[in-house]
Amino acid sequence: MSQANLDRFLQEARTNTALSDRLREVRSHEELIKLASDHGHALSKPTVMRHHLHRLAGMSDAELDNLGHNVFDRSFSDVFIGSII
């Protein structure tokens, strides 16, 4: 349940169109962990949260303002995966 597992899952999503489409529909950490599990990748909530927070930290003030008050739920997959897939 490490960053390496998350990296493998995201790599699979780059080459699997159906998976990347489902990943874009994810709206929470729990949904992402379930989707990864369904595809054979064990992820922990701390690893997923750390990745999400890292992506948020790299966003500009304007980008964060555009996310609004529900920054951890609204547009979750857009923030989480960004331009990864």
N, C-alpha and C. Protein backbone atom coordinates (compact mmCIF):
# COMPACT_ATOMS: atom_id res chain seq x y z
N MET A 1 0.85 -1.18 0.00
CA MET A 1 0.00 0.00 0.00
C MET A 1 0.88 1.24 0.00
N SER A 2 1.64 1.35 -1.05
CA SER A 2 2.63 2.41 -1.11
C SER A 2 2.43 3.27 -2.35
N GLN A 3 3.28 4.24 -2.47
CA GLN A 3 3.28 5.09 -3.66
C GLN A 3 3.53 4.24 -4.91
N ALA A 4 4.34 3.20 -4.78
CA ALA A 4 4.62 2.33 -5.93
C ALA A 4 3.34 1.67 -6.44
N ASN A 5 2.47 1.25 -5.53
CA ASN A 5 1.18 0.67 -5.94
C ASN A 5 0.34 1.69 -6.67
N LEU A 6 0.31 2.92 -6.16
CA LEU A 6 -0.45 3.99 -6.81
C LEU A 6 0.13 4.27 -8.19
N ASP A 7 1.44 4.31 -8.29
CA ASP A 7 2.09 4.55 -9.58
C ASP A 7 1.72 3.46 -10.59
N ARG A 8 1.71 2.20 -10.15
CA ARG A 8 1.33 1.10 -11.06
C ARG A 8 -0.12 1.23 -11.50
N PHE A 9 -0.99 1.60 -10.58
CA PHE A 9 -2.40 1.79 -10.91
C PHE A 9 -2.57 2.91 -11.94
N LEU A 10 -1.92 4.03 -11.72
CA LEU A 10 -2.03 5.15 -12.65
C LEU A 10 -1.40 4.81 -14.00
N GLN A 11 -0.34 4.01 -13.99
CA GLN A 11 0.26 3.57 -15.25
C GLN A 11 -0.72 2.69 -16.02
N GLU A 12 -1.41 1.80 -15.32
CA GLU A 12 -2.42 0.97 -15.98
C GLU A 12 -3.51 1.85 -16.58
N ALA A 13 -3.90 2.89 -15.87
CA ALA A 13 -4.95 3.80 -16.36
C ALA A 13 -4.51 4.53 -17.62
N ARG A 14 -3.21 4.75 -17.77
CA ARG A 14 -2.71 5.41 -18.99
C ARG A 14 -2.93 4.55 -20.23
N THR A 15 -2.91 3.23 -20.07
CA THR A 15 -2.98 2.34 -21.22
C THR A 15 -4.34 1.65 -21.35
N ASN A 16 -5.19 1.79 -20.36
CA ASN A 16 -6.50 1.14 -20.36
C ASN A 16 -7.57 2.23 -20.43
N THR A 17 -8.13 2.42 -21.60
CA THR A 17 -9.09 3.50 -21.82
C THR A 17 -10.31 3.37 -20.91
N ALA A 18 -10.82 2.17 -20.76
CA ALA A 18 -12.01 1.98 -19.91
C ALA A 18 -11.69 2.37 -18.47
N LEU A 19 -10.51 1.98 -17.99
CA LEU A 19 -10.12 2.33 -16.63
C LEU A 19 -9.93 3.84 -16.49
N SER A 20 -9.28 4.47 -17.45
CA SER A 20 -9.08 5.91 -17.34
C SER A 20 -10.40 6.66 -17.36
N ASP A 21 -11.37 6.17 -18.14
CA ASP A 21 -12.70 6.79 -18.14
C ASP A 21 -13.37 6.65 -16.78
N ARG A 22 -13.26 5.48 -16.17
CA ARG A 22 -13.84 5.27 -14.84
C ARG A 22 -13.11 6.11 -13.80
N LEU A 23 -11.80 6.23 -13.94
CA LEU A 23 -11.01 7.03 -13.00
C LEU A 23 -11.44 8.49 -13.02
N ARG A 24 -11.78 8.99 -14.20
CA ARG A 24 -12.22 10.38 -14.31
C ARG A 24 -13.56 10.63 -13.62
N GLU A 25 -14.32 9.57 -13.37
CA GLU A 25 -15.62 9.70 -12.70
C GLU A 25 -15.52 9.61 -11.18
N VAL A 26 -14.35 9.26 -10.67
CA VAL A 26 -14.14 9.11 -9.22
C VAL A 26 -14.31 10.45 -8.54
N ARG A 27 -15.02 10.46 -7.40
CA ARG A 27 -15.30 11.69 -6.67
C ARG A 27 -14.82 11.68 -5.23
N SER A 28 -14.11 10.63 -4.82
CA SER A 28 -13.62 10.60 -3.44
C SER A 28 -12.44 9.64 -3.32
N HIS A 29 -11.74 9.77 -2.21
CA HIS A 29 -10.63 8.87 -1.93
C HIS A 29 -11.13 7.42 -1.86
N GLU A 30 -12.27 7.23 -1.23
CA GLU A 30 -12.81 5.89 -1.06
C GLU A 30 -13.16 5.26 -2.41
N GLU A 31 -13.76 6.04 -3.30
CA GLU A 31 -14.09 5.53 -4.64
C GLU A 31 -12.82 5.14 -5.39
N LEU A 32 -11.78 5.93 -5.26
CA LEU A 32 -10.52 5.65 -5.94
C LEU A 32 -9.91 4.35 -5.41
N ILE A 33 -9.91 4.19 -4.10
CA ILE A 33 -9.35 2.98 -3.48
C ILE A 33 -10.13 1.75 -3.93
N LYS A 34 -11.47 1.86 -4.01
CA LYS A 34 -12.31 0.75 -4.47
C LYS A 34 -12.02 0.42 -5.92
N LEU A 35 -11.93 1.42 -6.77
CA LEU A 35 -11.63 1.20 -8.19
C LEU A 35 -10.28 0.52 -8.36
N ALA A 36 -9.29 1.00 -7.64
CA ALA A 36 -7.95 0.40 -7.72
C ALA A 36 -8.02 -1.06 -7.27
N SER A 37 -8.73 -1.32 -6.18
CA SER A 37 -8.87 -2.68 -5.67
C SER A 37 -9.54 -3.59 -6.70
N ASP A 38 -10.55 -3.08 -7.37
CA ASP A 38 -11.25 -3.84 -8.40
C ASP A 38 -10.31 -4.24 -9.54
N HIS A 39 -9.21 -3.50 -9.69
CA HIS A 39 -8.23 -3.77 -10.75
C HIS A 39 -6.94 -4.37 -10.20
N GLY A 40 -7.01 -4.88 -8.96
CA GLY A 40 -5.88 -5.60 -8.39
C GLY A 40 -4.79 -4.76 -7.77
N HIS A 41 -5.08 -3.51 -7.43
CA HIS A 41 -4.09 -2.62 -6.83
C HIS A 41 -4.54 -2.24 -5.41
N ALA A 42 -3.74 -2.59 -4.42
CA ALA A 42 -4.05 -2.27 -3.03
C ALA A 42 -3.49 -0.89 -2.69
N LEU A 43 -4.39 0.05 -2.42
CA LEU A 43 -3.98 1.41 -2.05
C LEU A 43 -4.47 1.72 -0.65
N SER A 44 -3.71 2.52 0.05
CA SER A 44 -4.13 2.96 1.38
C SER A 44 -4.64 4.38 1.29
N LYS A 45 -5.53 4.73 2.20
CA LYS A 45 -6.06 6.09 2.21
C LYS A 45 -4.93 7.12 2.43
N PRO A 46 -3.96 6.86 3.34
CA PRO A 46 -2.88 7.85 3.49
C PRO A 46 -2.10 8.09 2.20
N THR A 47 -1.83 7.04 1.43
CA THR A 47 -1.10 7.21 0.17
C THR A 47 -1.91 8.04 -0.81
N VAL A 48 -3.20 7.74 -0.91
CA VAL A 48 -4.07 8.47 -1.83
C VAL A 48 -4.19 9.92 -1.39
N MET A 49 -4.38 10.14 -0.10
CA MET A 49 -4.50 11.51 0.41
C MET A 49 -3.21 12.30 0.20
N ARG A 50 -2.07 11.67 0.44
CA ARG A 50 -0.78 12.33 0.26
C ARG A 50 -0.61 12.78 -1.20
N HIS A 51 -0.97 11.89 -2.14
CA HIS A 51 -0.87 12.24 -3.56
C HIS A 51 -1.80 13.41 -3.89
N HIS A 52 -3.02 13.34 -3.38
CA HIS A 52 -4.01 14.39 -3.64
C HIS A 52 -3.51 15.73 -3.08
N LEU A 53 -3.02 15.72 -1.87
CA LEU A 53 -2.51 16.96 -1.26
C LEU A 53 -1.30 17.49 -2.01
N HIS A 54 -0.44 16.61 -2.48
CA HIS A 54 0.73 17.03 -3.25
C HIS A 54 0.28 17.73 -4.53
N ARG A 55 -0.73 17.17 -5.20
CA ARG A 55 -1.24 17.80 -6.44
C ARG A 55 -1.85 19.16 -6.11
N LEU A 56 -2.60 19.25 -5.00
CA LEU A 56 -3.19 20.53 -4.60
C LEU A 56 -2.11 21.56 -4.31
N ALA A 57 -1.04 21.13 -3.65
CA ALA A 57 0.04 22.05 -3.30
C ALA A 57 0.70 22.65 -4.54
N GLY A 58 0.63 21.93 -5.65
CA GLY A 58 1.25 22.43 -6.87
C GLY A 58 0.36 23.34 -7.70
N MET A 59 -0.87 23.56 -7.24
CA MET A 59 -1.79 24.40 -8.00
C MET A 59 -1.61 25.87 -7.62
N SER A 60 -1.91 26.73 -8.57
CA SER A 60 -1.82 28.16 -8.31
C SER A 60 -3.00 28.59 -7.44
N ASP A 61 -2.91 29.81 -6.88
CA ASP A 61 -4.00 30.35 -6.09
C ASP A 61 -5.29 30.43 -6.91
N ALA A 62 -5.17 30.84 -8.16
CA ALA A 62 -6.35 30.96 -9.02
C ALA A 62 -6.99 29.59 -9.25
N GLU A 63 -6.16 28.57 -9.48
CA GLU A 63 -6.71 27.23 -9.68
C GLU A 63 -7.43 26.75 -8.42
N LEU A 64 -6.85 27.00 -7.27
CA LEU A 64 -7.48 26.60 -6.02
C LEU A 64 -8.77 27.37 -5.78
N ASP A 65 -8.77 28.67 -6.09
CA ASP A 65 -10.00 29.47 -5.96
C ASP A 65 -11.11 28.90 -6.83
N ASN A 66 -10.76 28.45 -8.03
CA ASN A 66 -11.75 27.89 -8.94
C ASN A 66 -12.38 26.61 -8.41
N LEU A 67 -11.67 25.90 -7.54
CA LEU A 67 -12.21 24.66 -6.98
C LEU A 67 -13.29 24.94 -5.94
N GLY A 68 -13.27 26.11 -5.34
CA GLY A 68 -14.31 26.48 -4.38
C GLY A 68 -14.14 25.83 -3.03
N HIS A 69 -15.22 25.80 -2.27
CA HIS A 69 -15.20 25.33 -0.89
C HIS A 69 -15.04 23.82 -0.76
N ASN A 70 -15.47 23.08 -1.74
CA ASN A 70 -15.42 21.63 -1.65
C ASN A 70 -14.18 21.08 -2.36
N VAL A 71 -13.05 21.66 -2.06
CA VAL A 71 -11.81 21.35 -2.77
C VAL A 71 -11.44 19.87 -2.70
N PHE A 72 -11.84 19.15 -1.67
CA PHE A 72 -11.46 17.75 -1.57
C PHE A 72 -12.48 16.81 -2.22
N ASP A 73 -13.61 17.32 -2.62
CA ASP A 73 -14.63 16.48 -3.24
C ASP A 73 -14.91 16.89 -4.68
N ARG A 74 -15.18 18.17 -4.90
CA ARG A 74 -15.51 18.65 -6.23
C ARG A 74 -14.30 18.52 -7.13
N SER A 75 -14.49 18.02 -8.29
CA SER A 75 -13.42 17.85 -9.26
C SER A 75 -12.28 16.99 -8.71
N PHE A 76 -12.61 16.05 -7.84
CA PHE A 76 -11.59 15.20 -7.23
C PHE A 76 -10.67 14.57 -8.27
N SER A 77 -11.28 13.91 -9.26
CA SER A 77 -10.44 13.21 -10.22
C SER A 77 -9.61 14.18 -11.04
N ASP A 78 -10.14 15.36 -11.35
CA ASP A 78 -9.35 16.34 -12.10
C ASP A 78 -8.10 16.75 -11.33
N VAL A 79 -8.26 16.96 -10.05
CA VAL A 79 -7.11 17.34 -9.22
C VAL A 79 -6.20 16.14 -9.03
N PHE A 80 -6.80 15.00 -8.72
CA PHE A 80 -6.01 13.83 -8.37
C PHE A 80 -5.15 13.35 -9.52
N ILE A 81 -5.75 13.23 -10.70
CA ILE A 81 -4.98 12.70 -11.81
C ILE A 81 -4.35 13.79 -12.66
N GLY A 82 -4.92 14.99 -12.61
CA GLY A 82 -4.35 16.09 -13.39
C GLY A 82 -4.08 15.67 -14.82
N SER A 83 -2.87 15.86 -15.27
CA SER A 83 -2.52 15.49 -16.64
C SER A 83 -1.83 14.13 -16.71
N ILE A 84 -1.99 13.33 -15.65
CA ILE A 84 -1.33 12.02 -15.62
C ILE A 84 -1.83 11.12 -16.72
N ILE A 85 -3.15 11.12 -16.95
CA ILE A 85 -3.69 10.24 -17.99
C ILE A 85 -4.40 11.05 -19.04
